[in-house]
Amino acid sequence: MGLGKTLQSICILASKHHERAMRHKETNSPDSVHLPSLIVCPPTLTGHWYYEILKYAENLKPVMYVGNARDRQRIAAKLNSYDVVITSYEVVRNDIAQLEPVDWHYCILDEGHVIKNARTKLTKSVKRVRAHHRLILSGTPIQNHVLELWSLFDFLMPGFLGSEHSFNERFGKPILSNRDGKSKNGEAAALALEALHKQVLPFLLRRLKEDVLDDLPPKIVQDYYCELSDMQKNLYDEFSKSNAHSSATSTVQSSGAEAKASPGQQHVFQSLQYLRKLCNHPALVLKEDAQAISSALAKVGYQGTNPTEGLREIQHAPKLLALKYLRHNCIQIITDIFNSIGNFCLIVVLAMAIQARLRLLAKANSSKPTIQQIQSFHSIAF
């Protein structure tokens, strides 16, 4: 993050589109006609890409292919008239029928690890996009399993790493078996990892923070521990006595490193998902179960008349309460710093609709900075 991947990609697009236009102007050959490029990113980044292209690449004409179905349909008829089309993964999944017939010059996936699971509809849709050149930008190309790397390369160069099955047999299983360093097949795992590195490293460009700025300080990580609220403790105790807990525990204890996937493992993931939601806020697990909500509130001595509002109170989630305090402290520190500087325009935008946020940012970026502060604070809502 912040190491220049976006700007590098914009430079590539600007250069290649210019070269292609000049070649077509000189030769008028069919293989150099204008082709648009496609950028796929999370929805929160579409505006960032759009304004960065406007800022740094004057020869590129970008468009955001976002919004409701009617807005997208209106843009879809004119995709070839733009140089860069910026859209989100969800839109690609829903509109692949409109995007697949287009011949794209470049297809760039920002936060490309989104397609790590080769079996999802989203991943399959993204891989149906036809492009002459493909790039993936990611800070975390492999998060859990080496098979995720296969899915990324299956988009970049289909067939380069073989089929998913052959890749798993050659690389996945040996590497995974030695993940804890205690496998008897440690040598085979090391050889598999070395062979995989030799095959994929020529196609990876990695930037470290020391490559960007030598005097950047080391990252400081501070762990802040939050105790569970009384409601979270009660719900956790109920879960620990449930059949789901017993089933998950027995599955984990009986599964070895080489055990095949079983239906019981699905219960383990469901249990972990439940506990993760519970740690964030009890409302995520109680949902709209009126009886369960009333029972949980009664156990913590709730005296109010509106169970829904009582459940959503932030004191039931110390983690979010800590984040709220941290947010307020950071805002105050930033405000004090900029107040001491003088000429500036401070914008703090939280939980705003994406289009409203983009309009506000565009207005601020196009105007001369002043002492005026534009602050928009939104309380945490569940």
Protein backbone atom coordinates (compact mmCIF):
# COMPACT_ATOMS: atom_id res chain seq x y z
CA MET A 1 0.00 0.00 0.00
CA GLY A 2 1.38 3.37 -1.00
CA LEU A 3 4.31 1.92 -2.95
CA GLY A 4 3.26 3.20 -6.37
CA LYS A 5 1.44 0.27 -7.98
CA THR A 6 -1.41 2.45 -9.21
CA LEU A 7 0.85 5.12 -10.69
CA GLN A 8 3.07 2.53 -12.37
CA SER A 9 0.03 0.93 -13.95
CA ILE A 10 -1.27 4.28 -15.18
CA CYS A 11 2.13 4.98 -16.76
CA ILE A 12 2.00 1.64 -18.56
CA LEU A 13 -1.49 2.35 -19.89
CA ALA A 14 -0.60 5.88 -21.00
CA SER A 15 2.55 4.67 -22.76
CA LYS A 16 1.00 1.67 -24.50
CA HIS A 17 -2.10 3.53 -25.63
CA HIS A 18 0.07 6.33 -27.03
CA GLU A 19 2.33 3.86 -28.86
CA ARG A 20 -0.67 2.06 -30.32
CA ALA A 21 -2.27 5.32 -31.48
CA MET A 22 0.96 6.48 -33.13
CA ARG A 23 1.44 3.14 -34.86
CA HIS A 24 -2.10 3.21 -36.20
CA LYS A 25 -1.62 6.78 -37.40
CA GLU A 26 1.52 5.80 -39.31
CA THR A 27 0.47 2.41 -40.69
CA ASN A 28 -3.33 2.37 -40.42
CA SER A 29 -3.00 -1.37 -39.81
CA PRO A 30 -5.94 -3.36 -38.35
CA ASP A 31 -3.77 -4.75 -35.55
CA SER A 32 -3.18 -1.27 -34.15
CA VAL A 33 -6.74 0.05 -34.01
CA HIS A 34 -7.93 1.67 -30.80
CA LEU A 35 -8.83 -0.74 -28.00
CA PRO A 36 -10.03 0.25 -24.52
CA SER A 37 -8.41 -1.06 -21.36
CA LEU A 38 -10.27 -2.44 -18.35
CA ILE A 39 -9.44 -1.84 -14.69
CA VAL A 40 -11.26 -4.01 -12.15
CA CYS A 41 -11.01 -3.03 -8.50
CA PRO A 42 -13.02 -2.96 -5.26
CA PRO A 43 -15.90 -0.46 -5.47
CA THR A 44 -14.24 1.89 -2.97
CA LEU A 45 -11.30 2.38 -5.36
CA THR A 46 -13.08 3.13 -8.63
CA GLY A 47 -13.11 6.86 -7.95
CA HIS A 48 -9.47 6.82 -6.88
CA TRP A 49 -8.42 5.23 -10.17
CA TYR A 50 -10.58 7.64 -12.17
CA TYR A 51 -9.13 10.80 -10.61
CA GLU A 52 -5.57 9.49 -10.65
CA ILE A 53 -5.84 8.87 -14.39
CA LEU A 54 -7.25 12.36 -14.95
CA LYS A 55 -4.40 13.78 -12.88
CA TYR A 56 -1.44 11.94 -14.37
CA ALA A 57 -2.47 10.78 -17.88
CA GLU A 58 -3.85 13.57 -20.05
CA ASN A 59 -3.93 11.38 -23.14
CA LEU A 60 -6.32 8.85 -21.55
CA LYS A 61 -10.09 9.22 -21.47
CA PRO A 62 -11.43 7.22 -18.49
CA VAL A 63 -14.97 6.31 -17.51
CA MET A 64 -16.39 4.68 -14.39
CA TYR A 65 -18.61 1.74 -15.33
CA VAL A 66 -20.54 1.72 -12.05
CA GLY A 67 -23.98 2.63 -10.72
CA ASN A 68 -27.30 0.89 -11.21
CA ALA A 69 -28.15 -1.37 -14.13
CA ARG A 70 -29.72 1.44 -16.17
CA ASP A 71 -26.67 3.69 -15.79
CA ARG A 72 -24.32 0.85 -16.74
CA GLN A 73 -26.42 -0.08 -19.77
CA ARG A 74 -26.15 3.48 -21.03
CA ILE A 75 -22.35 3.38 -20.71
CA ALA A 76 -22.01 -0.15 -22.12
CA ALA A 77 -23.04 0.98 -25.59
CA LYS A 78 -20.09 3.41 -25.71
CA LEU A 79 -17.30 1.39 -24.05
CA ASN A 80 -15.11 1.41 -27.16
CA SER A 81 -15.12 5.20 -27.26
CA TYR A 82 -13.15 5.38 -24.00
CA ASP A 83 -9.50 4.59 -23.34
CA VAL A 84 -9.91 3.18 -19.82
CA VAL A 85 -13.02 1.60 -18.32
CA ILE A 86 -12.98 1.36 -14.52
CA THR A 87 -15.37 -1.00 -12.80
CA SER A 88 -15.73 -3.27 -9.75
CA TYR A 89 -15.54 -7.03 -9.36
CA GLU A 90 -19.25 -7.24 -8.58
CA VAL A 91 -20.13 -5.39 -11.79
CA VAL A 92 -17.95 -7.75 -13.83
CA ARG A 93 -19.74 -10.71 -12.27
CA ASN A 94 -23.15 -9.23 -13.08
CA ASP A 95 -22.34 -7.72 -16.49
CA ILE A 96 -19.93 -10.24 -17.96
CA ALA A 97 -22.31 -10.72 -20.91
CA GLN A 98 -21.67 -7.08 -21.89
CA LEU A 99 -17.94 -7.06 -21.09
CA GLU A 100 -16.89 -10.41 -22.60
CA PRO A 101 -17.44 -9.50 -26.29
CA VAL A 102 -15.17 -6.45 -25.99
CA ASP A 103 -11.53 -6.77 -27.07
CA TRP A 104 -9.52 -5.08 -24.30
CA HIS A 105 -5.98 -3.81 -24.72
CA TYR A 106 -5.06 -4.25 -21.03
CA CYS A 107 -7.01 -5.83 -18.19
CA ILE A 108 -5.70 -4.83 -14.76
CA LEU A 109 -6.98 -6.37 -11.55
CA ASP A 110 -6.40 -4.19 -8.49
CA GLU A 111 -6.40 -6.18 -5.24
CA GLY A 112 -6.25 -9.18 -7.54
CA HIS A 113 -6.26 -11.70 -4.69
CA VAL A 114 -10.05 -11.35 -4.88
CA ILE A 115 -9.93 -14.11 -7.54
CA LYS A 116 -7.93 -16.48 -5.32
CA ASN A 117 -10.80 -19.00 -5.24
CA ALA A 118 -11.01 -20.47 -8.72
CA ARG A 119 -14.47 -21.94 -8.13
CA THR A 120 -16.44 -18.77 -7.37
CA LYS A 121 -18.75 -17.18 -9.92
CA LEU A 122 -16.85 -13.90 -9.57
CA THR A 123 -13.52 -15.50 -10.45
CA LYS A 124 -14.98 -17.39 -13.39
CA SER A 125 -16.53 -14.20 -14.72
CA VAL A 126 -13.27 -12.24 -14.45
CA LYS A 127 -11.40 -14.98 -16.32
CA ARG A 128 -13.84 -14.69 -19.22
CA VAL A 129 -12.62 -11.17 -19.98
CA ARG A 130 -10.62 -11.11 -23.24
CA ALA A 131 -7.51 -8.92 -23.18
CA HIS A 132 -4.20 -8.72 -25.08
CA HIS A 133 -2.29 -8.01 -21.85
CA ARG A 134 -3.13 -8.81 -18.23
CA LEU A 135 -1.80 -7.46 -14.94
CA ILE A 136 -2.59 -8.22 -11.31
CA LEU A 137 -1.85 -5.77 -8.49
CA SER A 138 -1.85 -7.22 -5.01
CA GLY A 139 -0.19 -6.75 -1.67
CA THR A 140 -1.12 -10.28 -0.58
CA PRO A 141 -1.02 -12.68 -3.55
CA ILE A 142 -1.11 -15.76 -1.29
CA GLN A 143 -3.12 -15.59 1.93
CA ASN A 144 -3.94 -19.15 2.94
CA HIS A 145 -3.06 -21.76 0.35
CA VAL A 146 -0.60 -22.13 -2.51
CA LEU A 147 -3.53 -23.00 -4.81
CA GLU A 148 -4.48 -19.33 -4.68
CA LEU A 149 -1.35 -18.60 -6.73
CA TRP A 150 -2.56 -21.04 -9.37
CA SER A 151 -5.85 -19.16 -9.68
CA LEU A 152 -4.03 -15.84 -10.17
CA PHE A 153 -1.78 -17.26 -12.88
CA ASP A 154 -4.75 -18.98 -14.49
CA PHE A 155 -6.04 -15.47 -15.16
CA LEU A 156 -2.66 -14.06 -16.24
CA MET A 157 -1.50 -16.97 -18.41
CA PRO A 158 -4.03 -19.81 -18.62
CA GLY A 159 -2.27 -23.17 -18.70
CA PHE A 160 1.13 -21.81 -17.64
CA LEU A 161 1.02 -23.73 -14.35
CA GLY A 162 -0.93 -26.66 -15.76
CA SER A 163 -4.32 -27.75 -14.52
CA GLU A 164 -5.42 -27.10 -10.96
CA HIS A 165 -5.16 -30.80 -10.16
CA SER A 166 -1.66 -31.24 -11.56
CA PHE A 167 -0.49 -28.04 -9.84
CA ASN A 168 -1.85 -29.27 -6.52
CA GLU A 169 -0.13 -32.65 -6.92
CA ARG A 170 3.21 -31.13 -7.94
CA PHE A 171 3.38 -28.10 -5.66
CA GLY A 172 0.38 -27.74 -3.38
CA LYS A 173 0.48 -30.98 -1.43
CA PRO A 174 4.27 -31.13 -0.85
CA ILE A 175 4.44 -27.50 0.27
CA LEU A 176 1.34 -27.73 2.45
CA SER A 177 2.53 -30.94 4.13
CA ASN A 178 5.62 -29.13 5.40
CA ARG A 179 3.91 -25.92 6.48
CA ASP A 180 4.78 -26.52 10.14
CA GLY A 181 8.34 -27.63 9.28
CA LYS A 182 7.88 -31.03 10.92
CA SER A 183 7.02 -33.15 7.91
CA LYS A 184 9.14 -36.16 6.98
CA ASN A 185 8.98 -34.96 3.39
CA GLY A 186 10.76 -31.68 4.10
CA GLU A 187 13.24 -32.16 1.26
CA ALA A 188 10.46 -32.78 -1.27
CA ALA A 189 8.67 -29.67 -0.05
CA ALA A 190 11.81 -27.57 -0.40
CA LEU A 191 12.38 -28.83 -3.95
CA ALA A 192 8.76 -28.14 -4.88
CA LEU A 193 8.99 -24.61 -3.49
CA GLU A 194 12.25 -23.94 -5.33
CA ALA A 195 10.78 -25.21 -8.61
CA LEU A 196 7.70 -23.06 -8.15
CA HIS A 197 9.83 -19.99 -7.48
CA LYS A 198 11.86 -20.56 -10.65
CA GLN A 199 8.67 -20.80 -12.68
CA VAL A 200 6.74 -17.78 -11.38
CA LEU A 201 9.33 -15.27 -10.12
CA PRO A 202 10.21 -13.99 -13.64
CA PHE A 203 6.63 -12.72 -13.86
CA LEU A 204 6.50 -11.03 -10.44
CA LEU A 205 7.54 -7.44 -9.78
CA ARG A 206 7.74 -6.83 -6.06
CA ARG A 207 8.23 -3.42 -4.48
CA LEU A 208 9.31 -2.98 -0.89
CA LYS A 209 9.07 0.23 1.09
CA GLU A 210 12.87 0.57 1.15
CA ASP A 211 12.74 0.62 -2.67
CA VAL A 212 10.46 3.67 -2.54
CA LEU A 213 11.92 5.75 0.27
CA ASP A 214 15.06 4.91 2.24
CA ASP A 215 14.22 6.93 5.33
CA LEU A 216 10.79 5.41 5.97
CA PRO A 217 10.65 4.30 9.62
CA PRO A 218 9.90 0.68 10.45
CA LYS A 219 6.26 -0.24 10.90
CA ILE A 220 5.05 -0.01 14.48
CA VAL A 221 2.42 -2.53 15.55
CA GLN A 222 0.55 -2.00 18.80
CA ASP A 223 -1.84 -4.67 20.05
CA TYR A 224 -4.87 -3.38 21.92
CA TYR A 225 -6.69 -6.09 23.86
CA CYS A 226 -10.45 -5.75 24.39
CA GLU A 227 -12.37 -7.79 26.94
CA LEU A 228 -15.60 -9.38 25.79
CA SER A 229 -18.77 -7.67 26.91
CA ASP A 230 -21.17 -9.49 29.25
CA MET A 231 -23.47 -10.30 26.33
CA GLN A 232 -20.60 -11.67 24.25
CA LYS A 233 -19.45 -13.83 27.16
CA ASN A 234 -22.96 -15.25 27.62
CA LEU A 235 -23.30 -16.07 23.94
CA TYR A 236 -19.83 -17.63 23.88
CA ASP A 237 -20.71 -19.82 26.87
CA GLU A 238 -23.87 -20.95 25.10
CA PHE A 239 -21.88 -21.82 21.99
CA SER A 240 -19.27 -23.77 23.99
CA LYS A 241 -22.07 -26.00 25.30
CA SER A 242 -23.69 -26.54 21.89
CA ASN A 243 -23.44 -29.47 19.51
CA ALA A 244 -21.74 -27.25 16.95
CA HIS A 245 -18.82 -26.67 19.32
CA SER A 246 -18.50 -30.39 20.08
CA SER A 247 -18.63 -31.30 16.39
CA ALA A 248 -16.03 -28.70 15.44
CA THR A 249 -13.70 -29.73 18.25
CA SER A 250 -13.88 -33.43 17.39
CA THR A 251 -13.29 -32.71 13.71
CA VAL A 252 -10.16 -30.67 14.44
CA GLN A 253 -8.75 -33.25 16.84
CA SER A 254 -9.33 -36.15 14.45
CA SER A 255 -7.99 -34.47 11.31
CA GLY A 256 -4.34 -35.03 10.47
CA ALA A 257 -2.19 -33.09 8.04
CA GLU A 258 -2.94 -35.57 5.28
CA ALA A 259 -6.61 -36.09 6.06
CA LYS A 260 -9.01 -35.63 3.21
CA ALA A 261 -11.69 -32.97 3.33
CA SER A 262 -14.85 -34.15 5.10
CA PRO A 263 -18.31 -32.66 5.65
CA GLY A 264 -17.30 -32.08 9.27
CA GLN A 265 -14.69 -29.55 8.21
CA GLN A 266 -17.46 -27.34 6.85
CA HIS A 267 -18.88 -27.15 10.39
CA VAL A 268 -15.48 -25.94 11.61
CA PHE A 269 -15.51 -22.99 9.22
CA GLN A 270 -19.10 -22.17 10.12
CA SER A 271 -18.18 -22.20 13.80
CA LEU A 272 -15.18 -19.93 13.21
CA GLN A 273 -17.37 -17.57 11.21
CA TYR A 274 -19.89 -17.46 14.05
CA LEU A 275 -17.21 -16.67 16.62
CA ARG A 276 -15.68 -13.98 14.43
CA LYS A 277 -19.05 -12.26 14.05
CA LEU A 278 -19.67 -12.57 17.78
CA CYS A 279 -16.36 -10.84 18.53
CA ASN A 280 -17.35 -7.96 16.26
CA HIS A 281 -20.86 -7.44 17.64
CA PRO A 282 -23.60 -9.73 19.05
CA ALA A 283 -26.11 -8.23 16.60
CA LEU A 284 -24.31 -10.05 13.75
CA VAL A 285 -25.17 -13.47 15.21
CA LEU A 286 -28.54 -12.75 16.81
CA LYS A 287 -29.77 -11.01 13.65
CA GLU A 288 -33.57 -10.64 13.80
CA ASP A 289 -34.38 -13.49 16.18
CA ALA A 290 -36.67 -11.62 18.59
CA GLN A 291 -36.71 -14.38 21.20
CA ALA A 292 -32.93 -14.77 21.23
CA ILE A 293 -32.45 -10.99 21.39
CA SER A 294 -34.83 -10.63 24.35
CA SER A 295 -33.14 -13.52 26.16
CA ALA A 296 -29.65 -12.09 25.60
CA LEU A 297 -30.71 -8.63 26.79
CA ALA A 298 -32.45 -10.04 29.86
CA LYS A 299 -29.25 -11.80 30.94
CA VAL A 300 -27.35 -8.48 30.94
CA GLY A 301 -30.09 -6.62 32.81
CA TYR A 302 -31.48 -4.51 29.98
CA GLN A 303 -34.40 -2.37 31.22
CA GLY A 304 -35.42 -0.63 28.01
CA THR A 305 -38.55 -1.14 25.93
CA ASN A 306 -36.94 -1.46 22.48
CA PRO A 307 -34.93 -4.70 22.20
CA THR A 308 -33.61 -3.85 18.72
CA GLU A 309 -32.12 -0.55 19.88
CA GLY A 310 -30.83 -2.16 23.05
CA LEU A 311 -29.00 -4.84 21.07
CA ARG A 312 -27.30 -2.26 18.85
CA GLU A 313 -25.79 -0.31 21.72
CA ILE A 314 -22.06 -0.04 21.22
CA GLN A 315 -21.15 -1.12 24.75
CA HIS A 316 -22.04 -4.69 23.75
CA ALA A 317 -18.99 -4.63 21.41
CA PRO A 318 -15.84 -3.34 23.19
CA LYS A 319 -13.86 -3.79 19.99
CA LEU A 320 -15.98 -1.23 18.14
CA LEU A 321 -15.98 1.04 21.16
CA ALA A 322 -12.17 1.02 21.11
CA LEU A 323 -12.18 1.78 17.38
CA LYS A 324 -14.53 4.71 17.98
CA TYR A 325 -12.23 6.20 20.62
CA LEU A 326 -9.20 5.64 18.34
CA ARG A 327 -10.96 7.37 15.45
CA HIS A 328 -11.82 10.40 17.54
CA ASN A 329 -8.28 10.62 18.92
CA CYS A 330 -6.74 10.42 15.44
CA ILE A 331 -9.09 13.07 14.07
CA GLN A 332 -8.20 15.43 16.90
CA ILE A 333 -4.46 14.89 16.38
CA ILE A 334 -4.71 15.46 12.62
CA THR A 335 -6.83 18.56 13.10
CA ASP A 336 -4.33 20.04 15.60
CA ILE A 337 -1.42 19.36 13.25
CA PHE A 338 -3.04 21.02 10.26
CA ASN A 339 -4.28 23.93 12.35
CA SER A 340 -0.68 24.64 13.28
CA ILE A 341 0.42 24.57 9.61
CA GLY A 342 -2.01 27.13 8.24
CA ASN A 343 -2.85 26.79 4.55
CA PHE A 344 -4.62 23.49 4.11
CA CYS A 345 -7.91 21.88 3.34
CA LEU A 346 -8.70 18.96 5.66
CA ILE A 347 -11.30 16.50 4.57
CA VAL A 348 -12.51 13.68 6.78
CA VAL A 349 -15.19 11.60 5.14
CA LEU A 350 -16.51 8.48 6.82
CA ALA A 351 -19.43 6.25 5.86
CA MET A 352 -20.55 8.49 2.99
CA ALA A 353 -22.18 7.19 -0.15
CA ILE A 354 -19.44 6.57 -2.71
CA GLN A 355 -20.79 9.02 -5.31
CA ALA A 356 -21.17 11.79 -2.72
CA ARG A 357 -17.63 11.11 -1.49
CA LEU A 358 -16.22 11.27 -5.00
CA ARG A 359 -17.96 14.59 -5.72
CA LEU A 360 -16.60 16.06 -2.48
CA LEU A 361 -13.06 14.85 -3.17
CA ALA A 362 -13.18 16.09 -6.76
CA LYS A 363 -14.30 19.53 -5.63
CA ALA A 364 -11.54 19.71 -3.01
CA ASN A 365 -8.81 18.48 -5.35
CA SER A 366 -9.77 20.98 -8.05
CA SER A 367 -9.77 24.01 -5.74
CA LYS A 368 -6.94 25.95 -4.14
CA PRO A 369 -6.31 24.71 -0.57
CA THR A 370 -7.53 27.10 2.12
CA ILE A 371 -7.78 27.16 5.88
CA GLN A 372 -11.35 25.93 5.59
CA GLN A 373 -11.99 22.52 7.10
CA ILE A 374 -14.54 20.21 5.57
CA GLN A 375 -15.42 17.59 8.14
CA SER A 376 -18.10 14.97 7.89
CA PHE A 377 -18.39 12.66 10.87
CA HIS A 378 -20.75 9.73 11.00
CA SER A 379 -21.30 7.65 14.11
CA ILE A 380 -20.82 3.91 13.86
CA ALA A 381 -24.03 2.20 12.77
CA PHE A 382 -24.81 -1.48 12.92
